[in-house]
Amino acid sequence: MATENTNIRSCDDKEKEKLLLLHSAELLENISQSKEKYRKIIQAGITQWVKDFQSGHIKVNTVEDLKKLIELDIQLQKDEEI
């Protein structure tokens, strides 16, 4: 007759807290990496906008695009300071 394994791994409160902190740290790291990538994309967009503006491909009436890129970049920088 075979006996069924009834061992259940349980975590004490300290271990649960440790696992939760580890998970939170991993989430924050992933968010930070994503923001870094987004900032690079935004900065490339700003650089391209300036080049297009200087070459005459963009007229003054499209400054709103640059404004949006700059605002996004500033917002991402503010989030990093928190």
PDB file of N, CA and C in Angstrom:
ATOM      1  N   MET A   1       0.842  -1.167   0.000  1.00  0.00           N
ATOM      2  CA  MET A   1       0.000   0.000   0.000  1.00  0.00           C
ATOM      3  C   MET A   1       0.892   1.237   0.000  1.00  0.00           C
ATOM      4  N   ALA A   2       0.681   2.103  -0.953  1.00  0.00           N
ATOM      5  CA  ALA A   2       1.488   3.317  -1.082  1.00  0.00           C
ATOM      6  C   ALA A   2       0.861   4.437  -0.274  1.00  0.00           C
ATOM      7  N   THR A   3       1.735   5.204   0.337  1.00  0.00           N
ATOM      8  CA  THR A   3       1.234   6.357   1.088  1.00  0.00           C
ATOM      9  C   THR A   3       1.403   7.610   0.244  1.00  0.00           C
ATOM     10  N   GLU A   4       0.456   8.460   0.358  1.00  0.00           N
ATOM     11  CA  GLU A   4       0.476   9.709  -0.399  1.00  0.00           C
ATOM     12  C   GLU A   4       1.343  10.731   0.318  1.00  0.00           C
ATOM     13  N   ASN A   5       2.154  11.451  -0.444  1.00  0.00           N
ATOM     14  CA  ASN A   5       3.007  12.485   0.131  1.00  0.00           C
ATOM     15  C   ASN A   5       2.130  13.679   0.495  1.00  0.00           C
ATOM     16  N   THR A   6       2.061  13.961   1.762  1.00  0.00           N
ATOM     17  CA  THR A   6       1.225  15.072   2.232  1.00  0.00           C
ATOM     18  C   THR A   6       2.051  16.249   2.726  1.00  0.00           C
ATOM     19  N   ASN A   7       3.339  16.217   2.457  1.00  0.00           N
ATOM     20  CA  ASN A   7       4.188  17.331   2.883  1.00  0.00           C
ATOM     21  C   ASN A   7       3.843  18.578   2.080  1.00  0.00           C
ATOM     22  N   ILE A   8       3.554  19.621   2.772  1.00  0.00           N
ATOM     23  CA  ILE A   8       3.258  20.903   2.141  1.00  0.00           C
ATOM     24  C   ILE A   8       4.301  21.896   2.615  1.00  0.00           C
ATOM     25  N   ARG A   9       4.984  22.499   1.663  1.00  0.00           N
ATOM     26  CA  ARG A   9       6.013  23.467   2.026  1.00  0.00           C
ATOM     27  C   ARG A   9       5.319  24.748   2.463  1.00  0.00           C
ATOM     28  N   SER A  10       5.635  25.161   3.636  1.00  0.00           N
ATOM     29  CA  SER A  10       5.058  26.411   4.116  1.00  0.00           C
ATOM     30  C   SER A  10       6.173  27.407   4.377  1.00  0.00           C
ATOM     31  N   CYS A  11       5.858  28.657   4.190  1.00  0.00           N
ATOM     32  CA  CYS A  11       6.818  29.732   4.412  1.00  0.00           C
ATOM     33  C   CYS A  11       6.440  30.454   5.691  1.00  0.00           C
ATOM     34  N   ASP A  12       7.458  30.750   6.467  1.00  0.00           N
ATOM     35  CA  ASP A  12       7.159  31.566   7.634  1.00  0.00           C
ATOM     36  C   ASP A  12       7.051  33.029   7.186  1.00  0.00           C
ATOM     37  N   ASP A  13       6.621  33.873   8.091  1.00  0.00           N
ATOM     38  CA  ASP A  13       6.380  35.276   7.742  1.00  0.00           C
ATOM     39  C   ASP A  13       7.632  35.976   7.228  1.00  0.00           C
ATOM     40  N   LYS A  14       8.789  35.664   7.814  1.00  0.00           N
ATOM     41  CA  LYS A  14      10.032  36.314   7.374  1.00  0.00           C
ATOM     42  C   LYS A  14      10.382  35.899   5.955  1.00  0.00           C
ATOM     43  N   GLU A  15      10.182  34.627   5.651  1.00  0.00           N
ATOM     44  CA  GLU A  15      10.491  34.146   4.306  1.00  0.00           C
ATOM     45  C   GLU A  15       9.518  34.748   3.285  1.00  0.00           C
ATOM     46  N   LYS A  16       8.256  34.860   3.651  1.00  0.00           N
ATOM     47  CA  LYS A  16       7.266  35.480   2.769  1.00  0.00           C
ATOM     48  C   LYS A  16       7.630  36.937   2.498  1.00  0.00           C
ATOM     49  N   GLU A  17       8.030  37.635   3.553  1.00  0.00           N
ATOM     50  CA  GLU A  17       8.414  39.045   3.406  1.00  0.00           C
ATOM     51  C   GLU A  17       9.637  39.177   2.506  1.00  0.00           C
ATOM     52  N   LYS A  18      10.588  38.265   2.688  1.00  0.00           N
ATOM     53  CA  LYS A  18      11.800  38.268   1.880  1.00  0.00           C
ATOM     54  C   LYS A  18      11.462  38.032   0.402  1.00  0.00           C
ATOM     55  N   LEU A  19      10.582  37.076   0.139  1.00  0.00           N
ATOM     56  CA  LEU A  19      10.171  36.789  -1.233  1.00  0.00           C
ATOM     57  C   LEU A  19       9.424  37.967  -1.852  1.00  0.00           C
ATOM     58  N   LEU A  20       8.583  38.602  -1.067  1.00  0.00           N
ATOM     59  CA  LEU A  20       7.838  39.765  -1.547  1.00  0.00           C
ATOM     60  C   LEU A  20       8.783  40.920  -1.879  1.00  0.00           C
ATOM     61  N   LEU A  21       9.766  41.148  -1.023  1.00  0.00           N
ATOM     62  CA  LEU A  21      10.751  42.206  -1.281  1.00  0.00           C
ATOM     63  C   LEU A  21      11.567  41.905  -2.534  1.00  0.00           C
ATOM     64  N   LEU A  22      11.937  40.643  -2.709  1.00  0.00           N
ATOM     65  CA  LEU A  22      12.692  40.238  -3.890  1.00  0.00           C
ATOM     66  C   LEU A  22      11.862  40.467  -5.154  1.00  0.00           C
ATOM     67  N   HIS A  23      10.603  40.086  -5.088  1.00  0.00           N
ATOM     68  CA  HIS A  23       9.705  40.290  -6.230  1.00  0.00           C
ATOM     69  C   HIS A  23       9.546  41.783  -6.535  1.00  0.00           C
ATOM     70  N   SER A  24       9.363  42.585  -5.510  1.00  0.00           N
ATOM     71  CA  SER A  24       9.218  44.034  -5.690  1.00  0.00           C
ATOM     72  C   SER A  24      10.474  44.635  -6.306  1.00  0.00           C
ATOM     73  N   ALA A  25      11.634  44.185  -5.854  1.00  0.00           N
ATOM     74  CA  ALA A  25      12.898  44.685  -6.393  1.00  0.00           C
ATOM     75  C   ALA A  25      13.033  44.330  -7.872  1.00  0.00           C
ATOM     76  N   GLU A  26      12.629  43.117  -8.231  1.00  0.00           N
ATOM     77  CA  GLU A  26      12.692  42.701  -9.634  1.00  0.00           C
ATOM     78  C   GLU A  26      11.751  43.546 -10.496  1.00  0.00           C
ATOM     79  N   LEU A  27      10.557  43.817  -9.987  1.00  0.00           N
ATOM     80  CA  LEU A  27       9.609  44.656 -10.721  1.00  0.00           C
ATOM     81  C   LEU A  27      10.174  46.056 -10.939  1.00  0.00           C
ATOM     82  N   LEU A  28      10.742  46.639  -9.888  1.00  0.00           N
ATOM     83  CA  LEU A  28      11.318  47.981 -10.001  1.00  0.00           C
ATOM     84  C   LEU A  28      12.463  48.008 -11.002  1.00  0.00           C
ATOM     85  N   GLU A  29      13.265  46.962 -11.018  1.00  0.00           N
ATOM     86  CA  GLU A  29      14.381  46.880 -11.957  1.00  0.00           C
ATOM     87  C   GLU A  29      13.856  46.807 -13.392  1.00  0.00           C
ATOM     88  N   ASN A  30      12.818  46.004 -13.607  1.00  0.00           N
ATOM     89  CA  ASN A  30      12.236  45.896 -14.948  1.00  0.00           C
ATOM     90  C   ASN A  30      11.641  47.223 -15.403  1.00  0.00           C
ATOM     91  N   ILE A  31      10.970  47.916 -14.505  1.00  0.00           N
ATOM     92  CA  ILE A  31      10.396  49.222 -14.833  1.00  0.00           C
ATOM     93  C   ILE A  31      11.503  50.208 -15.177  1.00  0.00           C
ATOM     94  N   SER A  32      12.564  50.181 -14.394  1.00  0.00           N
ATOM     95  CA  SER A  32      13.692  51.080 -14.627  1.00  0.00           C
ATOM     96  C   SER A  32      14.326  50.820 -15.994  1.00  0.00           C
ATOM     97  N   GLN A  33      14.490  49.549 -16.341  1.00  0.00           N
ATOM     98  CA  GLN A  33      15.063  49.202 -17.641  1.00  0.00           C
ATOM     99  C   GLN A  33      14.158  49.656 -18.781  1.00  0.00           C
ATOM    100  N   SER A  34      12.862  49.497 -18.611  1.00  0.00           N
ATOM    101  CA  SER A  34      11.913  49.937 -19.641  1.00  0.00           C
ATOM    102  C   SER A  34      11.983  51.446 -19.824  1.00  0.00           C
ATOM    103  N   LYS A  35      12.027  52.188 -18.719  1.00  0.00           N
ATOM    104  CA  LYS A  35      12.110  53.646 -18.805  1.00  0.00           C
ATOM    105  C   LYS A  35      13.381  54.075 -19.522  1.00  0.00           C
ATOM    106  N   GLU A  36      14.471  53.359 -19.253  1.00  0.00           N
ATOM    107  CA  GLU A  36      15.735  53.664 -19.912  1.00  0.00           C
ATOM    108  C   GLU A  36      15.592  53.508 -21.427  1.00  0.00           C
ATOM    109  N   LYS A  37      14.951  52.420 -21.840  1.00  0.00           N
ATOM    110  CA  LYS A  37      14.736  52.180 -23.273  1.00  0.00           C
ATOM    111  C   LYS A  37      13.837  53.257 -23.870  1.00  0.00           C
ATOM    112  N   TYR A  38      12.767  53.613 -23.169  1.00  0.00           N
ATOM    113  CA  TYR A  38      11.847  54.642 -23.664  1.00  0.00           C
ATOM    114  C   TYR A  38      12.554  55.983 -23.810  1.00  0.00           C
ATOM    115  N   ARG A  39      13.415  56.310 -22.846  1.00  0.00           N
ATOM    116  CA  ARG A  39      14.142  57.584 -22.923  1.00  0.00           C
ATOM    117  C   ARG A  39      15.053  57.603 -24.139  1.00  0.00           C
ATOM    118  N   LYS A  40      15.687  56.473 -24.454  1.00  0.00           N
ATOM    119  CA  LYS A  40      16.551  56.410 -25.635  1.00  0.00           C
ATOM    120  C   LYS A  40      15.739  56.630 -26.905  1.00  0.00           C
ATOM    121  N   ILE A  41      14.552  56.030 -26.952  1.00  0.00           N
ATOM    122  CA  ILE A  41      13.680  56.210 -28.114  1.00  0.00           C
ATOM    123  C   ILE A  41      13.255  57.667 -28.232  1.00  0.00           C
ATOM    124  N   ILE A  42      12.863  58.262 -27.111  1.00  0.00           N
ATOM    125  CA  ILE A  42      12.430  59.662 -27.107  1.00  0.00           C
ATOM    126  C   ILE A  42      13.576  60.578 -27.513  1.00  0.00           C
ATOM    127  N   GLN A  43      14.768  60.331 -26.971  1.00  0.00           N
ATOM    128  CA  GLN A  43      15.917  61.164 -27.311  1.00  0.00           C
ATOM    129  C   GLN A  43      16.259  61.043 -28.793  1.00  0.00           C
ATOM    130  N   ALA A  44      16.138  59.839 -29.346  1.00  0.00           N
ATOM    131  CA  ALA A  44      16.376  59.657 -30.782  1.00  0.00           C
ATOM    132  C   ALA A  44      15.330  60.423 -31.588  1.00  0.00           C
ATOM    133  N   GLY A  45      14.092  60.412 -31.110  1.00  0.00           N
ATOM    134  CA  GLY A  45      13.030  61.162 -31.783  1.00  0.00           C
ATOM    135  C   GLY A  45      13.290  62.656 -31.762  1.00  0.00           C
ATOM    136  N   ILE A  46      13.757  63.155 -30.625  1.00  0.00           N
ATOM    137  CA  ILE A  46      14.085  64.581 -30.509  1.00  0.00           C
ATOM    138  C   ILE A  46      15.228  64.932 -31.458  1.00  0.00           C
ATOM    139  N   THR A  47      16.250  64.094 -31.476  1.00  0.00           N
ATOM    140  CA  THR A  47      17.392  64.327 -32.364  1.00  0.00           C
ATOM    141  C   THR A  47      16.948  64.363 -33.820  1.00  0.00           C
ATOM    142  N   GLN A  48      16.103  63.398 -34.205  1.00  0.00           N
ATOM    143  CA  GLN A  48      15.617  63.357 -35.587  1.00  0.00           C
ATOM    144  C   GLN A  48      14.760  64.577 -35.901  1.00  0.00           C
ATOM    145  N   TRP A  49      13.930  64.992 -34.955  1.00  0.00           N
ATOM    146  CA  TRP A  49      13.071  66.164 -35.163  1.00  0.00           C
ATOM    147  C   TRP A  49      13.935  67.395 -35.420  1.00  0.00           C
ATOM    148  N   VAL A  50      14.976  67.571 -34.599  1.00  0.00           N
ATOM    149  CA  VAL A  50      15.863  68.738 -34.751  1.00  0.00           C
ATOM    150  C   VAL A  50      16.550  68.702 -36.119  1.00  0.00           C
ATOM    151  N   LYS A  51      17.029  67.522 -36.528  1.00  0.00           N
ATOM    152  CA  LYS A  51      17.674  67.403 -37.847  1.00  0.00           C
ATOM    153  C   LYS A  51      16.697  67.761 -38.965  1.00  0.00           C
ATOM    154  N   ASP A  52      15.482  67.227 -38.875  1.00  0.00           N
ATOM    155  CA  ASP A  52      14.476  67.520 -39.899  1.00  0.00           C
ATOM    156  C   ASP A  52      14.103  68.998 -39.900  1.00  0.00           C
ATOM    157  N   PHE A  53      14.042  69.597 -38.724  1.00  0.00           N
ATOM    158  CA  PHE A  53      13.729  71.026 -38.625  1.00  0.00           C
ATOM    159  C   PHE A  53      14.840  71.856 -39.262  1.00  0.00           C
ATOM    160  N   GLN A  54      16.092  71.507 -38.939  1.00  0.00           N
ATOM    161  CA  GLN A  54      17.225  72.257 -39.477  1.00  0.00           C
ATOM    162  C   GLN A  54      17.333  72.125 -40.994  1.00  0.00           C
ATOM    163  N   SER A  55      16.930  70.976 -41.521  1.00  0.00           N
ATOM    164  CA  SER A  55      17.021  70.767 -42.972  1.00  0.00           C
ATOM    165  C   SER A  55      15.813  71.326 -43.717  1.00  0.00           C
ATOM    166  N   GLY A  56      14.837  71.853 -42.981  1.00  0.00           N
ATOM    167  CA  GLY A  56      13.679  72.461 -43.615  1.00  0.00           C
ATOM    168  C   GLY A  56      12.520  71.511 -43.871  1.00  0.00           C
ATOM    169  N   HIS A  57      12.649  70.260 -43.448  1.00  0.00           N
ATOM    170  CA  HIS A  57      11.567  69.292 -43.646  1.00  0.00           C
ATOM    171  C   HIS A  57      10.400  69.517 -42.684  1.00  0.00           C
ATOM    172  N   ILE A  58      10.665  70.203 -41.599  1.00  0.00           N
ATOM    173  CA  ILE A  58       9.620  70.474 -40.608  1.00  0.00           C
ATOM    174  C   ILE A  58       9.446  71.979 -40.513  1.00  0.00           C
ATOM    175  N   LYS A  59       8.232  72.384 -40.567  1.00  0.00           N
ATOM    176  CA  LYS A  59       7.913  73.805 -40.454  1.00  0.00           C
ATOM    177  C   LYS A  59       7.513  74.109 -39.012  1.00  0.00           C
ATOM    178  N   VAL A  60       7.497  75.383 -38.678  1.00  0.00           N
ATOM    179  CA  VAL A  60       7.224  75.830 -37.315  1.00  0.00           C
ATOM    180  C   VAL A  60       5.875  75.334 -36.792  1.00  0.00           C
ATOM    181  N   ASN A  61       4.906  75.086 -37.666  1.00  0.00           N
ATOM    182  CA  ASN A  61       3.587  74.657 -37.202  1.00  0.00           C
ATOM    183  C   ASN A  61       3.555  73.222 -36.675  1.00  0.00           C
ATOM    184  N   THR A  62       4.664  72.504 -36.714  1.00  0.00           N
ATOM    185  CA  THR A  62       4.696  71.138 -36.186  1.00  0.00           C
ATOM    186  C   THR A  62       5.514  71.035 -34.898  1.00  0.00           C
ATOM    187  N   VAL A  63       5.715  72.135 -34.245  1.00  0.00           N
ATOM    188  CA  VAL A  63       6.484  72.157 -33.002  1.00  0.00           C
ATOM    189  C   VAL A  63       5.801  71.318 -31.921  1.00  0.00           C
ATOM    190  N   GLU A  64       4.512  71.106 -32.039  1.00  0.00           N
ATOM    191  CA  GLU A  64       3.762  70.328 -31.048  1.00  0.00           C
ATOM    192  C   GLU A  64       4.358  68.923 -30.874  1.00  0.00           C
ATOM    193  N   ASP A  65       4.855  68.323 -31.963  1.00  0.00           N
ATOM    194  CA  ASP A  65       5.480  67.002 -31.863  1.00  0.00           C
ATOM    195  C   ASP A  65       6.715  67.047 -30.972  1.00  0.00           C
ATOM    196  N   LEU A  66       7.553  68.060 -31.179  1.00  0.00           N
ATOM    197  CA  LEU A  66       8.748  68.208 -30.349  1.00  0.00           C
ATOM    198  C   LEU A  66       8.353  68.437 -28.900  1.00  0.00           C
ATOM    199  N   LYS A  67       7.348  69.260 -28.686  1.00  0.00           N
ATOM    200  CA  LYS A  67       6.885  69.551 -27.325  1.00  0.00           C
ATOM    201  C   LYS A  67       6.458  68.264 -26.616  1.00  0.00           C
ATOM    202  N   LYS A  68       5.736  67.405 -27.323  1.00  0.00           N
ATOM    203  CA  LYS A  68       5.288  66.141 -26.732  1.00  0.00           C
ATOM    204  C   LYS A  68       6.473  65.254 -26.363  1.00  0.00           C
ATOM    205  N   LEU A  69       7.465  65.182 -27.254  1.00  0.00           N
ATOM    206  CA  LEU A  69       8.651  64.372 -26.969  1.00  0.00           C
ATOM    207  C   LEU A  69       9.398  64.900 -25.746  1.00  0.00           C
ATOM    208  N   ILE A  70       9.556  66.212 -25.676  1.00  0.00           N
ATOM    209  CA  ILE A  70      10.255  66.822 -24.542  1.00  0.00           C
ATOM    210  C   ILE A  70       9.483  66.583 -23.252  1.00  0.00           C
ATOM    211  N   GLU A  71       8.165  66.732 -23.296  1.00  0.00           N
ATOM    212  CA  GLU A  71       7.345  66.497 -22.099  1.00  0.00           C
ATOM    213  C   GLU A  71       7.458  65.047 -21.627  1.00  0.00           C
ATOM    214  N   LEU A  72       7.465  64.101 -22.566  1.00  0.00           N
ATOM    215  CA  LEU A  72       7.638  62.691 -22.199  1.00  0.00           C
ATOM    216  C   LEU A  72       8.994  62.463 -21.541  1.00  0.00           C
ATOM    217  N   ASP A  73      10.035  63.057 -22.123  1.00  0.00           N
ATOM    218  CA  ASP A  73      11.375  62.905 -21.570  1.00  0.00           C
ATOM    219  C   ASP A  73      11.447  63.479 -20.161  1.00  0.00           C
ATOM    220  N   ILE A  74      10.864  64.645 -19.951  1.00  0.00           N
ATOM    221  CA  ILE A  74      10.862  65.274 -18.623  1.00  0.00           C
ATOM    222  C   ILE A  74      10.095  64.414 -17.629  1.00  0.00           C
ATOM    223  N   GLN A  75       8.951  63.872 -18.042  1.00  0.00           N
ATOM    224  CA  GLN A  75       8.154  63.030 -17.148  1.00  0.00           C
ATOM    225  C   GLN A  75       8.933  61.782 -16.732  1.00  0.00           C
ATOM    226  N   LEU A  76       9.624  61.163 -17.676  1.00  0.00           N
ATOM    227  CA  LEU A  76      10.420  59.983 -17.340  1.00  0.00           C
ATOM    228  C   LEU A  76      11.551  60.343 -16.383  1.00  0.00           C
ATOM    229  N   GLN A  77      12.148  61.508 -16.563  1.00  0.00           N
ATOM    230  CA  GLN A  77      13.208  61.941 -15.651  1.00  0.00           C
ATOM    231  C   GLN A  77      12.654  62.194 -14.255  1.00  0.00           C
ATOM    232  N   LYS A  78      11.468  62.783 -14.158  1.00  0.00           N
ATOM    233  CA  LYS A  78      10.847  63.019 -12.850  1.00  0.00           C
ATOM    234  C   LYS A  78      10.579  61.708 -12.140  1.00  0.00           C
ATOM    235  N   ASP A  79      10.101  60.715 -12.883  1.00  0.00           N
ATOM    236  CA  ASP A  79       9.818  59.411 -12.293  1.00  0.00           C
ATOM    237  C   ASP A  79      11.076  58.774 -11.722  1.00  0.00           C
ATOM    238  N   GLU A  80      12.230  59.024 -12.349  1.00  0.00           N
ATOM    239  CA  GLU A  80      13.486  58.458 -11.868  1.00  0.00           C
ATOM    240  C   GLU A  80      13.911  59.070 -10.542  1.00  0.00           C
ATOM    241  N   GLU A  81      13.514  60.303 -10.280  1.00  0.00           N
ATOM    242  CA  GLU A  81      13.918  60.997  -9.062  1.00  0.00           C
ATOM    243  C   GLU A  81      13.168  60.501  -7.838  1.00  0.00           C
ATOM    244  N   ILE A  82      12.040  59.846  -8.044  1.00  0.00           N
ATOM    245  CA  ILE A  82      11.200  59.398  -6.920  1.00  0.00           C
ATOM    246  C   ILE A  82      11.817  58.206  -6.244  1.00  0.00           C
TER     247      ILE A  82
END
